[in-house]
Amino acid sequence: MQVPNQGRPGNLSSRLLDRIAGEHQPRDQRRYTKSAFISVGRDALSFDYKIVTDALRRRGIMSFATQGMQLHHAHDMPERGWCPAGPLGARA
């Protein structure tokens, strides 16, 4: 999933997220099976839209910020010298 416009809350409502990503999952039953990529500039000091990453996390989606880098999503691919990106937010 690509999150529009640096993940600003005005671009993603709870109703829209429920339709495209699914409804909230209870914390003890969350399974992180989806990924969201948020385009954030390289010089951004921090990702300011924690409300969006929290809303995505409640739906089982881990968020990743580009911060001027290219991110690649891969599954069962041969080694390419890439390193894993760390998800946004405090806890998974």
Protein backbone atom coordinates (compact mmCIF):
# COMPACT_ATOMS: atom_id res chain seq x y z
CA MET A 1 0.00 0.00 0.00
CA GLN A 2 1.31 3.45 -0.85
CA VAL A 3 0.18 6.14 1.57
CA PRO A 4 -0.48 9.48 -0.17
CA ASN A 5 1.00 12.89 0.55
CA GLN A 6 3.49 12.02 3.30
CA GLY A 7 0.80 10.22 5.28
CA ARG A 8 -0.99 13.36 6.38
CA PRO A 9 -4.09 12.47 8.42
CA GLY A 10 -6.35 14.59 6.20
CA ASN A 11 -5.78 12.15 3.34
CA LEU A 12 -6.75 8.95 5.17
CA SER A 13 -9.96 8.70 7.16
CA SER A 14 -10.88 5.76 9.37
CA ARG A 15 -13.75 4.99 7.02
CA LEU A 16 -11.43 4.86 4.00
CA LEU A 17 -8.88 2.71 5.84
CA ASP A 18 -11.63 0.30 6.91
CA ARG A 19 -12.64 -0.10 3.25
CA ILE A 20 -9.19 -0.60 1.76
CA ALA A 21 -7.25 -2.18 4.60
CA GLY A 22 -9.81 -3.81 6.86
CA GLU A 23 -11.23 -2.97 10.24
CA HIS A 24 -9.36 -2.66 13.54
CA GLN A 25 -7.91 -5.85 14.96
CA PRO A 26 -7.74 -6.50 18.70
CA ARG A 27 -4.17 -5.98 19.93
CA ASP A 28 -3.73 -9.60 21.05
CA GLN A 29 -4.97 -10.90 17.65
CA ARG A 30 -3.03 -8.60 15.29
CA ARG A 31 -1.19 -10.23 12.46
CA TYR A 32 1.05 -7.92 10.46
CA THR A 33 0.48 -9.24 6.97
CA LYS A 34 0.47 -5.97 5.01
CA SER A 35 2.97 -3.16 4.38
CA ALA A 36 2.52 0.55 3.75
CA PHE A 37 5.15 2.78 2.18
CA ILE A 38 5.08 6.48 3.04
CA SER A 39 7.03 8.93 0.92
CA VAL A 40 8.89 11.24 3.30
CA GLY A 41 11.69 13.62 2.28
CA ARG A 42 15.32 12.84 3.12
CA ASP A 43 15.66 15.98 5.25
CA ALA A 44 12.52 15.34 7.30
CA LEU A 45 13.56 15.34 10.95
CA SER A 46 10.88 12.90 12.03
CA PHE A 47 7.70 11.41 10.77
CA ASP A 48 5.05 13.70 12.22
CA TYR A 49 1.94 11.74 11.43
CA LYS A 50 1.95 9.10 14.15
CA ILE A 51 -1.85 9.05 14.06
CA VAL A 52 -1.69 7.51 10.57
CA THR A 53 0.93 4.88 11.44
CA ASP A 54 -1.06 3.95 14.55
CA ALA A 55 -4.26 3.61 12.48
CA LEU A 56 -2.44 1.38 10.00
CA ARG A 57 -0.90 -0.72 12.78
CA ARG A 58 -4.35 -1.31 14.31
CA ARG A 59 -5.31 -2.87 10.96
CA GLY A 60 -2.28 -5.17 10.80
CA ILE A 61 -0.19 -2.96 8.51
CA MET A 62 3.45 -2.10 9.19
CA SER A 63 4.50 1.33 7.88
CA PHE A 64 7.84 2.23 6.34
CA ALA A 65 9.11 5.74 5.44
CA THR A 66 11.27 6.29 2.37
CA GLN A 67 13.18 9.31 3.77
CA GLY A 68 14.87 9.86 0.42
CA MET A 69 15.66 6.16 -0.14
CA GLN A 70 14.15 3.55 -2.40
CA LEU A 71 12.37 0.77 -0.56
CA HIS A 72 11.77 -2.62 -2.15
CA HIS A 73 9.23 -5.17 -1.02
CA ALA A 74 10.46 -8.72 -1.54
CA HIS A 75 9.41 -12.22 -0.56
CA ASP A 76 11.34 -15.42 -1.30
CA MET A 77 13.90 -13.62 -3.47
CA PRO A 78 17.59 -14.45 -3.85
CA GLU A 79 20.11 -12.44 -1.79
CA ARG A 80 20.79 -9.02 -3.32
CA GLY A 81 22.76 -7.26 -0.62
CA TRP A 82 19.76 -5.30 0.60
CA CYS A 83 19.12 -4.77 4.29
CA PRO A 84 15.74 -4.75 6.01
CA ALA A 85 14.02 -1.47 6.75
CA GLY A 86 12.71 -0.81 10.23
CA PRO A 87 8.98 -0.13 10.56
CA LEU A 88 7.70 3.19 11.91
CA GLY A 89 6.11 3.29 15.32
CA ALA A 90 7.07 2.23 18.81
CA ARG A 91 6.07 -1.41 18.89
CA ALA A 92 4.97 -4.05 16.44
